[in-house]
Amino acid sequence: MQILSPAEQRAFDTPPLMNAAQRKAAFDLPVGFQREAEQLRDPVHQIGFCLNAGYFRQSRRCFAPEKFHDNDIAYVATRLGHGSEVFERGAYAARTRQRHDRAIELGRISDPGRSGRATSDPAD
């Protein structure tokens, strides 16, 4: 049974396109969460984790790294003190991403406008 058309499925599987104000709102994560992300050893993991956290704040979904938008990668990498060239989609391993996604989806990021809890311990 097909619920979504192919175009609707592609849109569902793709992170939201954001303007500068939306990007700032999505990826300017709470300080406690930023600290947790910065403790991840690998810059690829830091960037990927923050990207999916921001996408989750915007759309309540996490996405595969091959779907990440280049301008979002550049924004997050710069905020973390890295160049966008540091992030290689293939280097953000599926198992690591799944652990990060689970931490995000379980509400381990605090959002000032919501009743979420502060971050817990996202695996690296």
Foldseek 3Di string as FASTA:
>chain_A
DDDDDPVRVVVVQAQDDDDPVLLCLLQVFDPLVLVLLLPDDALLLSLQLSQQLSSCVVPVDGHQLVRDDLVSLQVSQVVSPHGSVSHDSVVCDPVLSVQSRVQSNVQQGDDVVDPGDHHDHRDD
